[in-house]
Amino acid sequence: MKTLFAMALMLFALEPARGQETAGANITAQMTGTWSCVSATINGKPLSESAVRKLRLTMTETRYKTERSDEVLFDSAYRLDATKAPVQINMFGTEGDLIGKEAQGIIAVEGDALKICYTMPGRLRPVSFASATNSEAYLIIWKREKQ
């Protein structure tokens, strides 16, 4: 009887973890694909429309890569925490000066739009989708490219 009770408690305790895993898988599936930049604000200053048009994001289940034309700006592995609202993303640099360094951010998918706000390694994670002057936050809005 004690064994059955203990097993029932273990299953009950695991249930939220399964739900969290499913939520993480759902947002990952929604994010996977290629995205074109709609707008970008860095430290409170909007990027020019010509600069924005050159930006592209490619996301897989494990990779986050930002490119400007043919130049890779940021290539990383990432991890999501879908138990937080908004969903948190941690990006781990895999090349150049950012190898092994962690950028922290928040992310949201709304239809064909992906919103991300992050700071570079060593800075505090943003708590809202905003990039005010002196915040050192990057706020990028992406639109899913047609397949």
N, C-alpha and C. Protein backbone atom coordinates (compact mmCIF):
# COMPACT_ATOMS: atom_id res chain seq x y z
N MET A 1 0.82 -1.19 0.00
CA MET A 1 0.00 0.00 0.00
C MET A 1 0.87 1.26 0.00
N LYS A 2 1.92 1.25 0.85
CA LYS A 2 2.82 2.40 0.90
C LYS A 2 3.50 2.59 -0.44
N THR A 3 3.85 1.49 -1.10
CA THR A 3 4.52 1.57 -2.39
C THR A 3 3.60 2.19 -3.43
N LEU A 4 2.34 1.78 -3.47
CA LEU A 4 1.38 2.36 -4.40
C LEU A 4 1.17 3.84 -4.13
N PHE A 5 1.09 4.20 -2.86
CA PHE A 5 0.93 5.61 -2.49
C PHE A 5 2.15 6.42 -2.95
N ALA A 6 3.35 5.88 -2.71
CA ALA A 6 4.58 6.56 -3.12
C ALA A 6 4.63 6.71 -4.64
N MET A 7 4.23 5.67 -5.37
CA MET A 7 4.23 5.74 -6.83
C MET A 7 3.23 6.80 -7.32
N ALA A 8 2.06 6.84 -6.69
CA ALA A 8 1.06 7.84 -7.07
C ALA A 8 1.58 9.24 -6.83
N LEU A 9 2.27 9.45 -5.71
CA LEU A 9 2.85 10.77 -5.43
C LEU A 9 3.91 11.14 -6.46
N MET A 10 4.75 10.17 -6.83
CA MET A 10 5.79 10.43 -7.83
C MET A 10 5.16 10.83 -9.16
N LEU A 11 4.12 10.10 -9.60
CA LEU A 11 3.46 10.43 -10.85
C LEU A 11 2.82 11.81 -10.79
N PHE A 12 2.19 12.12 -9.67
CA PHE A 12 1.59 13.44 -9.48
C PHE A 12 2.66 14.53 -9.54
N ALA A 13 3.80 14.28 -8.90
CA ALA A 13 4.90 15.26 -8.89
C ALA A 13 5.49 15.44 -10.27
N LEU A 14 5.49 14.40 -11.10
CA LEU A 14 6.06 14.51 -12.44
C LEU A 14 5.14 15.21 -13.43
N GLU A 15 3.86 15.24 -13.16
CA GLU A 15 2.89 15.80 -14.10
C GLU A 15 3.20 17.24 -14.52
N PRO A 16 3.53 18.16 -13.59
CA PRO A 16 3.85 19.51 -14.04
C PRO A 16 5.07 19.53 -14.95
N ALA A 17 6.05 18.68 -14.68
CA ALA A 17 7.25 18.65 -15.53
C ALA A 17 6.87 18.24 -16.95
N ARG A 18 5.96 17.28 -17.09
CA ARG A 18 5.50 16.87 -18.42
C ARG A 18 4.82 18.04 -19.12
N GLY A 19 3.99 18.77 -18.40
CA GLY A 19 3.31 19.93 -18.98
C GLY A 19 4.30 21.00 -19.40
N GLN A 20 5.31 21.23 -18.59
CA GLN A 20 6.33 22.22 -18.92
C GLN A 20 7.09 21.79 -20.15
N GLU A 21 7.40 20.49 -20.24
CA GLU A 21 8.12 19.96 -21.39
C GLU A 21 7.29 20.18 -22.65
N THR A 22 5.99 19.93 -22.58
CA THR A 22 5.10 20.11 -23.71
C THR A 22 5.03 21.58 -24.11
N ALA A 23 4.93 22.47 -23.14
CA ALA A 23 4.89 23.90 -23.44
C ALA A 23 6.17 24.33 -24.15
N GLY A 24 7.31 23.85 -23.67
CA GLY A 24 8.59 24.18 -24.31
C GLY A 24 8.67 23.65 -25.72
N ALA A 25 8.16 22.44 -25.96
CA ALA A 25 8.15 21.86 -27.30
C ALA A 25 7.23 22.66 -28.22
N ASN A 26 6.09 23.12 -27.69
CA ASN A 26 5.15 23.90 -28.50
C ASN A 26 5.77 25.21 -28.96
N ILE A 27 6.40 25.94 -28.07
CA ILE A 27 6.98 27.22 -28.47
C ILE A 27 8.17 27.00 -29.39
N THR A 28 8.95 25.94 -29.15
CA THR A 28 10.07 25.63 -30.03
C THR A 28 9.56 25.36 -31.44
N ALA A 29 8.50 24.57 -31.57
CA ALA A 29 7.92 24.28 -32.88
C ALA A 29 7.42 25.56 -33.55
N GLN A 30 6.84 26.46 -32.78
CA GLN A 30 6.34 27.72 -33.34
C GLN A 30 7.48 28.62 -33.80
N MET A 31 8.63 28.53 -33.16
CA MET A 31 9.77 29.40 -33.48
C MET A 31 10.60 28.87 -34.64
N THR A 32 10.58 27.58 -34.87
CA THR A 32 11.43 26.97 -35.88
C THR A 32 11.09 27.51 -37.27
N GLY A 33 12.12 27.94 -38.00
CA GLY A 33 11.92 28.45 -39.34
C GLY A 33 12.84 29.62 -39.63
N THR A 34 12.54 30.30 -40.73
CA THR A 34 13.34 31.45 -41.15
C THR A 34 12.47 32.70 -41.03
N TRP A 35 13.06 33.75 -40.49
CA TRP A 35 12.35 34.98 -40.18
C TRP A 35 13.06 36.19 -40.79
N SER A 36 12.30 37.14 -41.28
CA SER A 36 12.83 38.41 -41.77
C SER A 36 12.54 39.48 -40.73
N CYS A 37 13.46 40.40 -40.60
CA CYS A 37 13.31 41.46 -39.60
C CYS A 37 12.28 42.49 -40.06
N VAL A 38 11.41 42.87 -39.13
CA VAL A 38 10.41 43.91 -39.36
C VAL A 38 10.89 45.21 -38.73
N SER A 39 11.44 45.10 -37.51
CA SER A 39 11.97 46.28 -36.83
C SER A 39 13.00 45.83 -35.79
N ALA A 40 13.90 46.74 -35.49
CA ALA A 40 14.93 46.46 -34.49
C ALA A 40 15.28 47.75 -33.77
N THR A 41 15.27 47.67 -32.46
CA THR A 41 15.65 48.81 -31.62
C THR A 41 16.75 48.33 -30.68
N ILE A 42 17.85 49.05 -30.67
CA ILE A 42 18.99 48.67 -29.85
C ILE A 42 19.33 49.84 -28.93
N ASN A 43 19.23 49.58 -27.63
CA ASN A 43 19.54 50.60 -26.64
C ASN A 43 18.73 51.88 -26.88
N GLY A 44 17.45 51.68 -27.24
CA GLY A 44 16.56 52.81 -27.44
C GLY A 44 16.61 53.47 -28.80
N LYS A 45 17.51 52.99 -29.69
CA LYS A 45 17.64 53.61 -31.01
C LYS A 45 17.20 52.63 -32.09
N PRO A 46 16.21 53.03 -32.91
CA PRO A 46 15.76 52.14 -33.98
C PRO A 46 16.82 52.02 -35.08
N LEU A 47 16.94 50.82 -35.62
CA LEU A 47 17.81 50.63 -36.77
C LEU A 47 17.11 51.20 -38.00
N SER A 48 17.89 51.62 -38.97
CA SER A 48 17.31 52.16 -40.20
C SER A 48 16.59 51.05 -40.96
N GLU A 49 15.64 51.44 -41.77
CA GLU A 49 14.88 50.48 -42.56
C GLU A 49 15.80 49.68 -43.48
N SER A 50 16.82 50.32 -44.04
CA SER A 50 17.73 49.60 -44.93
C SER A 50 18.53 48.54 -44.16
N ALA A 51 18.91 48.83 -42.93
CA ALA A 51 19.63 47.85 -42.10
C ALA A 51 18.70 46.71 -41.69
N VAL A 52 17.47 47.05 -41.34
CA VAL A 52 16.49 46.04 -40.92
C VAL A 52 16.23 45.05 -42.04
N ARG A 53 16.09 45.54 -43.28
CA ARG A 53 15.79 44.66 -44.42
C ARG A 53 16.88 43.61 -44.65
N LYS A 54 18.09 43.84 -44.19
CA LYS A 54 19.20 42.90 -44.41
C LYS A 54 19.27 41.79 -43.36
N LEU A 55 18.48 41.92 -42.29
CA LEU A 55 18.56 40.96 -41.18
C LEU A 55 17.65 39.76 -41.39
N ARG A 56 18.19 38.59 -41.07
CA ARG A 56 17.44 37.34 -41.17
C ARG A 56 17.78 36.48 -39.96
N LEU A 57 16.78 35.79 -39.45
CA LEU A 57 16.94 34.88 -38.32
C LEU A 57 16.56 33.48 -38.77
N THR A 58 17.40 32.51 -38.46
CA THR A 58 17.09 31.11 -38.70
C THR A 58 17.09 30.40 -37.36
N MET A 59 15.98 29.74 -37.06
CA MET A 59 15.88 29.01 -35.80
C MET A 59 15.55 27.55 -36.09
N THR A 60 16.29 26.67 -35.41
CA THR A 60 15.99 25.25 -35.44
C THR A 60 15.57 24.88 -34.02
N GLU A 61 15.47 23.60 -33.75
CA GLU A 61 15.10 23.18 -32.40
C GLU A 61 16.19 23.50 -31.38
N THR A 62 17.43 23.73 -31.85
CA THR A 62 18.53 23.97 -30.92
C THR A 62 19.39 25.18 -31.26
N ARG A 63 19.23 25.77 -32.44
CA ARG A 63 20.11 26.85 -32.89
C ARG A 63 19.34 28.14 -33.14
N TYR A 64 20.05 29.25 -32.90
CA TYR A 64 19.53 30.61 -33.12
C TYR A 64 20.63 31.33 -33.89
N LYS A 65 20.38 31.68 -35.15
CA LYS A 65 21.41 32.33 -35.97
C LYS A 65 20.86 33.57 -36.64
N THR A 66 21.50 34.72 -36.37
CA THR A 66 21.13 35.99 -36.98
C THR A 66 22.18 36.34 -38.02
N GLU A 67 21.70 36.72 -39.22
CA GLU A 67 22.61 37.11 -40.29
C GLU A 67 22.22 38.48 -40.84
N ARG A 68 23.24 39.19 -41.32
CA ARG A 68 23.04 40.44 -42.05
C ARG A 68 23.59 40.19 -43.44
N SER A 69 22.70 40.10 -44.42
CA SER A 69 23.08 39.68 -45.77
C SER A 69 23.76 38.32 -45.65
N ASP A 70 25.06 38.23 -45.99
CA ASP A 70 25.79 36.95 -45.91
C ASP A 70 26.67 36.84 -44.68
N GLU A 71 26.62 37.81 -43.78
CA GLU A 71 27.48 37.83 -42.59
C GLU A 71 26.72 37.32 -41.37
N VAL A 72 27.31 36.33 -40.68
CA VAL A 72 26.71 35.82 -39.46
C VAL A 72 27.03 36.79 -38.32
N LEU A 73 25.97 37.33 -37.69
CA LEU A 73 26.15 38.26 -36.58
C LEU A 73 26.16 37.54 -35.23
N PHE A 74 25.31 36.53 -35.11
CA PHE A 74 25.14 35.86 -33.82
C PHE A 74 24.73 34.42 -34.11
N ASP A 75 25.57 33.48 -33.72
CA ASP A 75 25.25 32.06 -33.89
C ASP A 75 25.33 31.42 -32.51
N SER A 76 24.26 30.75 -32.13
CA SER A 76 24.23 30.22 -30.77
C SER A 76 23.33 29.01 -30.66
N ALA A 77 23.52 28.30 -29.56
CA ALA A 77 22.56 27.30 -29.12
C ALA A 77 21.64 28.03 -28.16
N TYR A 78 20.45 27.51 -27.95
CA TYR A 78 19.57 28.20 -27.01
C TYR A 78 18.79 27.20 -26.16
N ARG A 79 18.28 27.73 -25.06
CA ARG A 79 17.43 26.96 -24.16
C ARG A 79 16.27 27.86 -23.75
N LEU A 80 15.06 27.29 -23.72
CA LEU A 80 13.87 28.04 -23.33
C LEU A 80 13.41 27.64 -21.94
N ASP A 81 12.78 28.56 -21.26
CA ASP A 81 12.08 28.25 -20.02
C ASP A 81 10.64 28.70 -20.21
N ALA A 82 9.80 27.75 -20.65
CA ALA A 82 8.40 28.05 -20.94
C ALA A 82 7.54 28.12 -19.69
N THR A 83 8.15 27.88 -18.52
CA THR A 83 7.39 28.00 -17.27
C THR A 83 7.28 29.46 -16.85
N LYS A 84 8.06 30.33 -17.45
CA LYS A 84 8.04 31.76 -17.13
C LYS A 84 7.13 32.49 -18.12
N ALA A 85 6.57 33.59 -17.68
CA ALA A 85 5.77 34.44 -18.55
C ALA A 85 6.34 35.85 -18.48
N PRO A 86 6.84 36.39 -19.57
CA PRO A 86 6.97 35.75 -20.87
C PRO A 86 8.03 34.64 -20.85
N VAL A 87 7.99 33.81 -21.90
CA VAL A 87 8.95 32.71 -22.03
C VAL A 87 10.37 33.29 -22.06
N GLN A 88 11.26 32.67 -21.30
CA GLN A 88 12.65 33.12 -21.26
C GLN A 88 13.50 32.31 -22.22
N ILE A 89 14.47 32.97 -22.83
CA ILE A 89 15.41 32.32 -23.72
C ILE A 89 16.82 32.66 -23.25
N ASN A 90 17.68 31.65 -23.22
CA ASN A 90 19.10 31.84 -22.94
C ASN A 90 19.84 31.35 -24.18
N MET A 91 20.68 32.22 -24.73
CA MET A 91 21.43 31.90 -25.94
C MET A 91 22.90 31.79 -25.59
N PHE A 92 23.51 30.69 -26.04
CA PHE A 92 24.90 30.40 -25.71
C PHE A 92 25.73 30.51 -26.98
N GLY A 93 26.66 31.49 -27.01
CA GLY A 93 27.50 31.72 -28.18
C GLY A 93 28.30 30.49 -28.54
N THR A 94 28.41 30.21 -29.85
CA THR A 94 29.13 29.03 -30.31
C THR A 94 30.31 29.38 -31.21
N GLU A 95 30.56 30.67 -31.43
CA GLU A 95 31.70 31.04 -32.26
C GLU A 95 32.14 32.47 -31.95
N GLY A 96 33.33 32.79 -32.41
CA GLY A 96 33.87 34.14 -32.25
C GLY A 96 34.04 34.56 -30.80
N ASP A 97 33.90 35.85 -30.55
CA ASP A 97 34.09 36.41 -29.20
C ASP A 97 33.02 35.96 -28.21
N LEU A 98 31.93 35.41 -28.71
CA LEU A 98 30.82 35.03 -27.82
C LEU A 98 30.81 33.54 -27.45
N ILE A 99 31.84 32.80 -27.83
CA ILE A 99 31.87 31.37 -27.49
C ILE A 99 31.72 31.20 -25.98
N GLY A 100 30.75 30.38 -25.61
CA GLY A 100 30.53 30.05 -24.21
C GLY A 100 29.86 31.14 -23.39
N LYS A 101 29.59 32.28 -23.99
CA LYS A 101 28.94 33.37 -23.25
C LYS A 101 27.44 33.28 -23.45
N GLU A 102 26.69 33.73 -22.44
CA GLU A 102 25.24 33.58 -22.43
C GLU A 102 24.52 34.92 -22.48
N ALA A 103 23.69 35.08 -23.51
CA ALA A 103 22.79 36.23 -23.60
C ALA A 103 21.44 35.78 -23.06
N GLN A 104 20.74 36.69 -22.39
CA GLN A 104 19.46 36.35 -21.78
C GLN A 104 18.36 37.22 -22.35
N GLY A 105 17.18 36.61 -22.55
CA GLY A 105 16.10 37.39 -23.11
C GLY A 105 14.74 36.78 -22.83
N ILE A 106 13.76 37.39 -23.46
CA ILE A 106 12.38 36.91 -23.42
C ILE A 106 11.91 36.83 -24.86
N ILE A 107 10.93 35.96 -25.10
CA ILE A 107 10.51 35.70 -26.47
C ILE A 107 9.01 35.41 -26.50
N ALA A 108 8.36 35.78 -27.61
CA ALA A 108 6.93 35.49 -27.78
C ALA A 108 6.65 35.29 -29.26
N VAL A 109 5.80 34.32 -29.56
CA VAL A 109 5.35 34.08 -30.92
C VAL A 109 3.86 34.40 -30.96
N GLU A 110 3.49 35.27 -31.91
CA GLU A 110 2.09 35.66 -32.09
C GLU A 110 1.78 35.53 -33.58
N GLY A 111 1.20 34.39 -33.97
CA GLY A 111 0.93 34.14 -35.38
C GLY A 111 2.23 34.02 -36.15
N ASP A 112 2.39 34.86 -37.18
CA ASP A 112 3.62 34.85 -37.99
C ASP A 112 4.64 35.88 -37.51
N ALA A 113 4.45 36.37 -36.29
CA ALA A 113 5.40 37.34 -35.72
C ALA A 113 6.12 36.73 -34.53
N LEU A 114 7.41 36.99 -34.47
CA LEU A 114 8.23 36.55 -33.34
C LEU A 114 8.85 37.80 -32.73
N LYS A 115 8.68 37.96 -31.45
CA LYS A 115 9.20 39.12 -30.72
C LYS A 115 10.26 38.60 -29.76
N ILE A 116 11.42 39.23 -29.78
CA ILE A 116 12.47 38.86 -28.83
C ILE A 116 13.11 40.13 -28.28
N CYS A 117 13.36 40.11 -26.99
CA CYS A 117 14.07 41.21 -26.35
C CYS A 117 15.17 40.56 -25.53
N TYR A 118 16.41 40.95 -25.76
CA TYR A 118 17.53 40.32 -25.04
C TYR A 118 18.63 41.32 -24.77
N THR A 119 19.52 40.92 -23.89
CA THR A 119 20.72 41.69 -23.60
C THR A 119 21.92 40.81 -23.87
N MET A 120 23.04 41.42 -24.09
CA MET A 120 24.27 40.68 -24.35
C MET A 120 24.79 40.08 -23.05
N PRO A 121 25.72 39.13 -23.17
CA PRO A 121 26.25 38.46 -21.97
C PRO A 121 26.73 39.44 -20.91
N GLY A 122 26.43 39.09 -19.66
CA GLY A 122 26.84 39.91 -18.52
C GLY A 122 25.81 40.93 -18.09
N ARG A 123 24.73 41.07 -18.83
CA ARG A 123 23.66 42.03 -18.51
C ARG A 123 22.45 41.30 -17.96
N LEU A 124 21.60 42.03 -17.25
CA LEU A 124 20.37 41.44 -16.70
C LEU A 124 19.36 41.17 -17.81
N ARG A 125 18.57 40.13 -17.64
CA ARG A 125 17.52 39.78 -18.59
C ARG A 125 16.46 40.88 -18.61
N PRO A 126 15.97 41.28 -19.79
CA PRO A 126 14.86 42.23 -19.84
C PRO A 126 13.61 41.61 -19.22
N VAL A 127 12.76 42.44 -18.67
CA VAL A 127 11.51 41.95 -18.06
C VAL A 127 10.30 42.31 -18.92
N SER A 128 10.50 43.14 -19.95
CA SER A 128 9.41 43.50 -20.85
C SER A 128 9.98 43.65 -22.26
N PHE A 129 9.09 43.68 -23.24
CA PHE A 129 9.49 43.83 -24.63
C PHE A 129 9.67 45.32 -24.93
N ALA A 130 10.81 45.85 -24.47
CA ALA A 130 11.12 47.27 -24.65
C ALA A 130 12.63 47.45 -24.73
N SER A 131 13.05 48.49 -25.41
CA SER A 131 14.47 48.84 -25.49
C SER A 131 14.59 50.34 -25.30
N ALA A 132 14.66 50.74 -24.05
CA ALA A 132 14.78 52.16 -23.72
C ALA A 132 16.23 52.62 -23.84
N THR A 133 16.43 53.91 -23.96
CA THR A 133 17.77 54.47 -23.97
C THR A 133 18.52 54.03 -22.72
N ASN A 134 19.75 53.62 -22.87
CA ASN A 134 20.63 53.15 -21.80
C ASN A 134 20.21 51.81 -21.19
N SER A 135 19.27 51.12 -21.80
CA SER A 135 18.85 49.81 -21.27
C SER A 135 19.77 48.69 -21.72
N GLU A 136 20.51 48.93 -22.80
CA GLU A 136 21.37 47.92 -23.42
C GLU A 136 20.58 46.71 -23.89
N ALA A 137 19.29 46.90 -24.14
CA ALA A 137 18.42 45.82 -24.61
C ALA A 137 18.24 45.92 -26.13
N TYR A 138 18.13 44.76 -26.73
CA TYR A 138 17.84 44.62 -28.15
C TYR A 138 16.39 44.15 -28.25
N LEU A 139 15.56 44.89 -28.96
CA LEU A 139 14.18 44.49 -29.20
C LEU A 139 14.03 44.28 -30.70
N ILE A 140 13.78 43.03 -31.09
CA ILE A 140 13.70 42.69 -32.50
C ILE A 140 12.34 42.04 -32.77
N ILE A 141 11.69 42.52 -33.83
CA ILE A 141 10.43 41.93 -34.27
C ILE A 141 10.70 41.27 -35.63
N TRP A 142 10.30 40.00 -35.73
CA TRP A 142 10.55 39.20 -36.93
C TRP A 142 9.22 38.77 -37.53
N LYS A 143 9.22 38.55 -38.84
CA LYS A 143 8.05 38.00 -39.53
C LYS A 143 8.48 36.71 -40.22
N ARG A 144 7.67 35.67 -40.05
CA ARG A 144 8.00 34.38 -40.66
C ARG A 144 8.04 34.52 -42.18
N GLU A 145 9.10 33.96 -42.78
CA GLU A 145 9.20 33.96 -44.24
C GLU A 145 8.33 32.84 -44.79
N LYS A 146 7.75 33.08 -45.96
CA LYS A 146 6.92 32.07 -46.62
C LYS A 146 7.82 30.91 -47.06
N GLN A 147 7.34 29.71 -46.88
CA GLN A 147 8.12 28.51 -47.24
C GLN A 147 7.95 28.15 -48.70
